[in-house]
Amino acid sequence: MKELFLGTILLTLVGIVGFLYQYAKDTPRGPIACTLEARICPDGSTVGRTGPNCEFRACSSR
């Protein structure tokens, strides 16, 4: 009976550690560096990449 209890505890701990490992692996760490590309807008101005997904900023609508 004691072995069954210890086995259940061990399997539960392995499951928790596996879940935490998967969560930590998918979580980005530290700042994100975007490439230094620029997009030329219709009015001739340029915009760069920004944000967590490194998307181009919107062109101004002057």
PDB file of N, CA and C in Angstrom:
ATOM      1  N   MET A   1       0.826  -1.194   0.000  1.00  0.00           N
ATOM      2  CA  MET A   1       0.000   0.000   0.000  1.00  0.00           C
ATOM      3  C   MET A   1       0.872   1.261   0.000  1.00  0.00           C
ATOM      4  N   LYS A   2       1.976   1.200   0.738  1.00  0.00           N
ATOM      5  CA  LYS A   2       2.883   2.345   0.810  1.00  0.00           C
ATOM      6  C   LYS A   2       3.510   2.612  -0.559  1.00  0.00           C
ATOM      7  N   GLU A   3       3.847   1.550  -1.312  1.00  0.00           N
ATOM      8  CA  GLU A   3       4.445   1.703  -2.631  1.00  0.00           C
ATOM      9  C   GLU A   3       3.462   2.354  -3.609  1.00  0.00           C
ATOM     10  N   LEU A   4       2.200   2.008  -3.536  1.00  0.00           N
ATOM     11  CA  LEU A   4       1.175   2.603  -4.386  1.00  0.00           C
ATOM     12  C   LEU A   4       1.050   4.104  -4.119  1.00  0.00           C
ATOM     13  N   PHE A   5       1.063   4.469  -2.846  1.00  0.00           N
ATOM     14  CA  PHE A   5       0.981   5.879  -2.463  1.00  0.00           C
ATOM     15  C   PHE A   5       2.203   6.646  -2.972  1.00  0.00           C
ATOM     16  N   LEU A   6       3.400   6.097  -2.787  1.00  0.00           N
ATOM     17  CA  LEU A   6       4.618   6.761  -3.250  1.00  0.00           C
ATOM     18  C   LEU A   6       4.657   6.848  -4.777  1.00  0.00           C
ATOM     19  N   GLY A   7       4.176   5.831  -5.466  1.00  0.00           N
ATOM     20  CA  GLY A   7       4.122   5.851  -6.930  1.00  0.00           C
ATOM     21  C   GLY A   7       3.176   6.931  -7.441  1.00  0.00           C
ATOM     22  N   THR A   8       2.044   7.072  -6.765  1.00  0.00           N
ATOM     23  CA  THR A   8       1.086   8.114  -7.137  1.00  0.00           C
ATOM     24  C   THR A   8       1.693   9.500  -6.934  1.00  0.00           C
ATOM     25  N   ILE A   9       2.364   9.694  -5.826  1.00  0.00           N
ATOM     26  CA  ILE A   9       3.024  10.975  -5.544  1.00  0.00           C
ATOM     27  C   ILE A   9       4.100  11.253  -6.598  1.00  0.00           C
ATOM     28  N   LEU A  10       4.891  10.252  -6.943  1.00  0.00           N
ATOM     29  CA  LEU A  10       5.956  10.414  -7.930  1.00  0.00           C
ATOM     30  C   LEU A  10       5.385  10.779  -9.299  1.00  0.00           C
ATOM     31  N   LEU A  11       4.343  10.088  -9.742  1.00  0.00           N
ATOM     32  CA  LEU A  11       3.725  10.399 -11.030  1.00  0.00           C
ATOM     33  C   LEU A  11       3.131  11.811 -11.048  1.00  0.00           C
ATOM     34  N   THR A  12       2.545  12.229  -9.942  1.00  0.00           N
ATOM     35  CA  THR A  12       1.993  13.581  -9.846  1.00  0.00           C
ATOM     36  C   THR A  12       3.106  14.612  -9.958  1.00  0.00           C
ATOM     37  N   LEU A  13       4.209  14.396  -9.275  1.00  0.00           N
ATOM     38  CA  LEU A  13       5.337  15.330  -9.338  1.00  0.00           C
ATOM     39  C   LEU A  13       5.943  15.391 -10.731  1.00  0.00           C
ATOM     40  N   VAL A  14       6.069  14.250 -11.400  1.00  0.00           N
ATOM     41  CA  VAL A  14       6.597  14.227 -12.760  1.00  0.00           C
ATOM     42  C   VAL A  14       5.668  15.005 -13.692  1.00  0.00           C
ATOM     43  N   GLY A  15       4.384  14.869 -13.532  1.00  0.00           N
ATOM     44  CA  GLY A  15       3.430  15.607 -14.346  1.00  0.00           C
ATOM     45  C   GLY A  15       3.528  17.107 -14.123  1.00  0.00           C
ATOM     46  N   ILE A  16       3.661  17.517 -12.871  1.00  0.00           N
ATOM     47  CA  ILE A  16       3.778  18.945 -12.557  1.00  0.00           C
ATOM     48  C   ILE A  16       5.061  19.515 -13.133  1.00  0.00           C
ATOM     49  N   VAL A  17       6.165  18.812 -12.971  1.00  0.00           N
ATOM     50  CA  VAL A  17       7.447  19.280 -13.501  1.00  0.00           C
ATOM     51  C   VAL A  17       7.397  19.356 -15.025  1.00  0.00           C
ATOM     52  N   GLY A  18       6.790  18.382 -15.678  1.00  0.00           N
ATOM     53  CA  GLY A  18       6.661  18.400 -17.130  1.00  0.00           C
ATOM     54  C   GLY A  18       5.835  19.577 -17.614  1.00  0.00           C
ATOM     55  N   PHE A  19       4.746  19.872 -16.915  1.00  0.00           N
ATOM     56  CA  PHE A  19       3.915  21.017 -17.276  1.00  0.00           C
ATOM     57  C   PHE A  19       4.689  22.325 -17.117  1.00  0.00           C
ATOM     58  N   LEU A  20       5.382  22.487 -16.015  1.00  0.00           N
ATOM     59  CA  LEU A  20       6.148  23.704 -15.778  1.00  0.00           C
ATOM     60  C   LEU A  20       7.278  23.864 -16.789  1.00  0.00           C
ATOM     61  N   TYR A  21       7.917  22.762 -17.156  1.00  0.00           N
ATOM     62  CA  TYR A  21       8.986  22.822 -18.150  1.00  0.00           C
ATOM     63  C   TYR A  21       8.432  23.288 -19.495  1.00  0.00           C
ATOM     64  N   GLN A  22       7.307  22.738 -19.911  1.00  0.00           N
ATOM     65  CA  GLN A  22       6.696  23.114 -21.191  1.00  0.00           C
ATOM     66  C   GLN A  22       6.265  24.575 -21.163  1.00  0.00           C
ATOM     67  N   TYR A  23       5.706  25.035 -20.057  1.00  0.00           N
ATOM     68  CA  TYR A  23       5.280  26.427 -19.939  1.00  0.00           C
ATOM     69  C   TYR A  23       6.479  27.364 -19.997  1.00  0.00           C
ATOM     70  N   ALA A  24       7.565  27.036 -19.302  1.00  0.00           N
ATOM     71  CA  ALA A  24       8.752  27.890 -19.276  1.00  0.00           C
ATOM     72  C   ALA A  24       9.435  27.915 -20.638  1.00  0.00           C
ATOM     73  N   LYS A  25       9.384  26.812 -21.377  1.00  0.00           N
ATOM     74  CA  LYS A  25      10.021  26.742 -22.684  1.00  0.00           C
ATOM     75  C   LYS A  25       9.309  27.631 -23.691  1.00  0.00           C
ATOM     76  N   ASP A  26       7.977  27.763 -23.583  1.00  0.00           N
ATOM     77  CA  ASP A  26       7.189  28.546 -24.532  1.00  0.00           C
ATOM     78  C   ASP A  26       7.121  30.027 -24.172  1.00  0.00           C
ATOM     79  N   THR A  27       7.629  30.412 -23.009  1.00  0.00           N
ATOM     80  CA  THR A  27       7.571  31.798 -22.566  1.00  0.00           C
ATOM     81  C   THR A  27       8.842  32.519 -22.998  1.00  0.00           C
ATOM     82  N   PRO A  28       8.711  33.599 -23.810  1.00  0.00           N
ATOM     83  CA  PRO A  28       9.913  34.326 -24.223  1.00  0.00           C
ATOM     84  C   PRO A  28      10.578  35.018 -23.038  1.00  0.00           C
ATOM     85  N   ARG A  29      11.874  35.094 -23.085  1.00  0.00           N
ATOM     86  CA  ARG A  29      12.630  35.712 -22.000  1.00  0.00           C
ATOM     87  C   ARG A  29      13.377  36.923 -22.522  1.00  0.00           C
ATOM     88  N   GLY A  30      13.394  37.971 -21.736  1.00  0.00           N
ATOM     89  CA  GLY A  30      14.174  39.148 -22.056  1.00  0.00           C
ATOM     90  C   GLY A  30      13.597  39.963 -23.193  1.00  0.00           C
ATOM     91  N   PRO A  31      14.285  41.027 -23.541  1.00  0.00           N
ATOM     92  CA  PRO A  31      13.793  41.900 -24.606  1.00  0.00           C
ATOM     93  C   PRO A  31      13.884  41.238 -25.980  1.00  0.00           C
ATOM     94  N   ILE A  32      13.034  41.678 -26.875  1.00  0.00           N
ATOM     95  CA  ILE A  32      13.011  41.159 -28.239  1.00  0.00           C
ATOM     96  C   ILE A  32      13.664  42.199 -29.150  1.00  0.00           C
ATOM     97  N   ALA A  33      14.584  41.776 -29.980  1.00  0.00           N
ATOM     98  CA  ALA A  33      15.259  42.691 -30.903  1.00  0.00           C
ATOM     99  C   ALA A  33      14.667  42.509 -32.297  1.00  0.00           C
ATOM    100  N   CYS A  34      14.148  43.600 -32.858  1.00  0.00           N
ATOM    101  CA  CYS A  34      13.581  43.572 -34.201  1.00  0.00           C
ATOM    102  C   CYS A  34      14.657  43.943 -35.217  1.00  0.00           C
ATOM    103  N   THR A  35      14.501  43.457 -36.439  1.00  0.00           N
ATOM    104  CA  THR A  35      15.448  43.823 -37.494  1.00  0.00           C
ATOM    105  C   THR A  35      15.285  45.298 -37.839  1.00  0.00           C
ATOM    106  N   LEU A  36      16.306  45.889 -38.397  1.00  0.00           N
ATOM    107  CA  LEU A  36      16.304  47.321 -38.689  1.00  0.00           C
ATOM    108  C   LEU A  36      15.825  47.611 -40.107  1.00  0.00           C
ATOM    109  N   GLU A  37      14.742  47.001 -40.507  1.00  0.00           N
ATOM    110  CA  GLU A  37      14.159  47.255 -41.818  1.00  0.00           C
ATOM    111  C   GLU A  37      13.257  48.484 -41.732  1.00  0.00           C
ATOM    112  N   ALA A  38      13.009  49.099 -42.853  1.00  0.00           N
ATOM    113  CA  ALA A  38      12.089  50.234 -42.912  1.00  0.00           C
ATOM    114  C   ALA A  38      11.149  50.044 -44.080  1.00  0.00           C
ATOM    115  N   ARG A  39       9.922  50.507 -43.904  1.00  0.00           N
ATOM    116  CA  ARG A  39       8.929  50.465 -44.976  1.00  0.00           C
ATOM    117  C   ARG A  39       8.678  51.904 -45.409  1.00  0.00           C
ATOM    118  N   ILE A  40       8.615  52.120 -46.702  1.00  0.00           N
ATOM    119  CA  ILE A  40       8.360  53.451 -47.233  1.00  0.00           C
ATOM    120  C   ILE A  40       6.851  53.616 -47.414  1.00  0.00           C
ATOM    121  N   CYS A  41       6.306  54.636 -46.784  1.00  0.00           N
ATOM    122  CA  CYS A  41       4.876  54.918 -46.857  1.00  0.00           C
ATOM    123  C   CYS A  41       4.555  55.700 -48.136  1.00  0.00           C
ATOM    124  N   PRO A  42       3.285  55.748 -48.522  1.00  0.00           N
ATOM    125  CA  PRO A  42       2.889  56.479 -49.739  1.00  0.00           C
ATOM    126  C   PRO A  42       3.291  57.961 -49.734  1.00  0.00           C
ATOM    127  N   ASP A  43       3.372  58.566 -48.533  1.00  0.00           N
ATOM    128  CA  ASP A  43       3.741  59.989 -48.483  1.00  0.00           C
ATOM    129  C   ASP A  43       5.257  60.204 -48.484  1.00  0.00           C
ATOM    130  N   GLY A  44       6.032  59.128 -48.595  1.00  0.00           N
ATOM    131  CA  GLY A  44       7.485  59.228 -48.653  1.00  0.00           C
ATOM    132  C   GLY A  44       8.183  59.054 -47.315  1.00  0.00           C
ATOM    133  N   SER A  45       7.433  59.042 -46.205  1.00  0.00           N
ATOM    134  CA  SER A  45       8.045  58.819 -44.895  1.00  0.00           C
ATOM    135  C   SER A  45       8.339  57.334 -44.709  1.00  0.00           C
ATOM    136  N   THR A  46       9.106  57.014 -43.701  1.00  0.00           N
ATOM    137  CA  THR A  46       9.444  55.614 -43.432  1.00  0.00           C
ATOM    138  C   THR A  46       9.007  55.243 -42.024  1.00  0.00           C
ATOM    139  N   VAL A  47       8.704  53.982 -41.840  1.00  0.00           N
ATOM    140  CA  VAL A  47       8.362  53.455 -40.520  1.00  0.00           C
ATOM    141  C   VAL A  47       9.174  52.192 -40.286  1.00  0.00           C
ATOM    142  N   GLY A  48       9.491  51.932 -39.025  1.00  0.00           N
ATOM    143  CA  GLY A  48      10.265  50.750 -38.657  1.00  0.00           C
ATOM    144  C   GLY A  48       9.408  49.720 -37.951  1.00  0.00           C
ATOM    145  N   ARG A  49      10.042  48.641 -37.581  1.00  0.00           N
ATOM    146  CA  ARG A  49       9.357  47.561 -36.857  1.00  0.00           C
ATOM    147  C   ARG A  49       9.340  47.869 -35.364  1.00  0.00           C
ATOM    148  N   THR A  50       8.271  47.415 -34.688  1.00  0.00           N
ATOM    149  CA  THR A  50       8.147  47.649 -33.257  1.00  0.00           C
ATOM    150  C   THR A  50       7.231  46.608 -32.632  1.00  0.00           C
ATOM    151  N   GLY A  51       7.222  46.541 -31.320  1.00  0.00           N
ATOM    152  CA  GLY A  51       6.318  45.659 -30.586  1.00  0.00           C
ATOM    153  C   GLY A  51       6.851  44.253 -30.421  1.00  0.00           C
ATOM    154  N   PRO A  52       6.112  43.433 -29.687  1.00  0.00           N
ATOM    155  CA  PRO A  52       6.568  42.068 -29.400  1.00  0.00           C
ATOM    156  C   PRO A  52       6.602  41.162 -30.622  1.00  0.00           C
ATOM    157  N   ASN A  53       5.834  41.504 -31.673  1.00  0.00           N
ATOM    158  CA  ASN A  53       5.817  40.693 -32.898  1.00  0.00           C
ATOM    159  C   ASN A  53       6.632  41.314 -34.021  1.00  0.00           C
ATOM    160  N   CYS A  54       7.336  42.404 -33.727  1.00  0.00           N
ATOM    161  CA  CYS A  54       8.182  43.102 -34.700  1.00  0.00           C
ATOM    162  C   CYS A  54       7.417  43.448 -35.975  1.00  0.00           C
ATOM    163  N   GLU A  55       6.236  44.005 -35.814  1.00  0.00           N
ATOM    164  CA  GLU A  55       5.426  44.412 -36.960  1.00  0.00           C
ATOM    165  C   GLU A  55       5.733  45.863 -37.298  1.00  0.00           C
ATOM    166  N   PHE A  56       5.540  46.226 -38.576  1.00  0.00           N
ATOM    167  CA  PHE A  56       5.742  47.608 -38.988  1.00  0.00           C
ATOM    168  C   PHE A  56       4.684  48.502 -38.344  1.00  0.00           C
ATOM    169  N   ARG A  57       5.097  49.687 -37.941  1.00  0.00           N
ATOM    170  CA  ARG A  57       4.137  50.672 -37.452  1.00  0.00           C
ATOM    171  C   ARG A  57       3.253  51.114 -38.609  1.00  0.00           C
ATOM    172  N   ALA A  58       2.110  51.671 -38.286  1.00  0.00           N
ATOM    173  CA  ALA A  58       1.194  52.156 -39.321  1.00  0.00           C
ATOM    174  C   ALA A  58       1.735  53.449 -39.921  1.00  0.00           C
ATOM    175  N   CYS A  59       1.511  53.621 -41.199  1.00  0.00           N
ATOM    176  CA  CYS A  59       1.891  54.865 -41.864  1.00  0.00           C
ATOM    177  C   CYS A  59       0.951  55.977 -41.415  1.00  0.00           C
ATOM    178  N   SER A  60       1.468  57.179 -41.332  1.00  0.00           N
ATOM    179  CA  SER A  60       0.612  58.305 -40.959  1.00  0.00           C
ATOM    180  C   SER A  60      -0.312  58.636 -42.124  1.00  0.00           C
ATOM    181  N   SER A  61      -1.496  59.112 -41.804  1.00  0.00           N
ATOM    182  CA  SER A  61      -2.478  59.410 -42.853  1.00  0.00           C
ATOM    183  C   SER A  61      -2.632  60.917 -43.009  1.00  0.00           C
ATOM    184  N   ARG A  62      -1.569  61.601 -43.316  1.00  0.00           N
ATOM    185  CA  ARG A  62      -1.597  63.067 -43.456  1.00  0.00           C
ATOM    186  C   ARG A  62      -2.363  63.498 -44.654  1.00  0.00           C
TER     187      ARG A  62
END
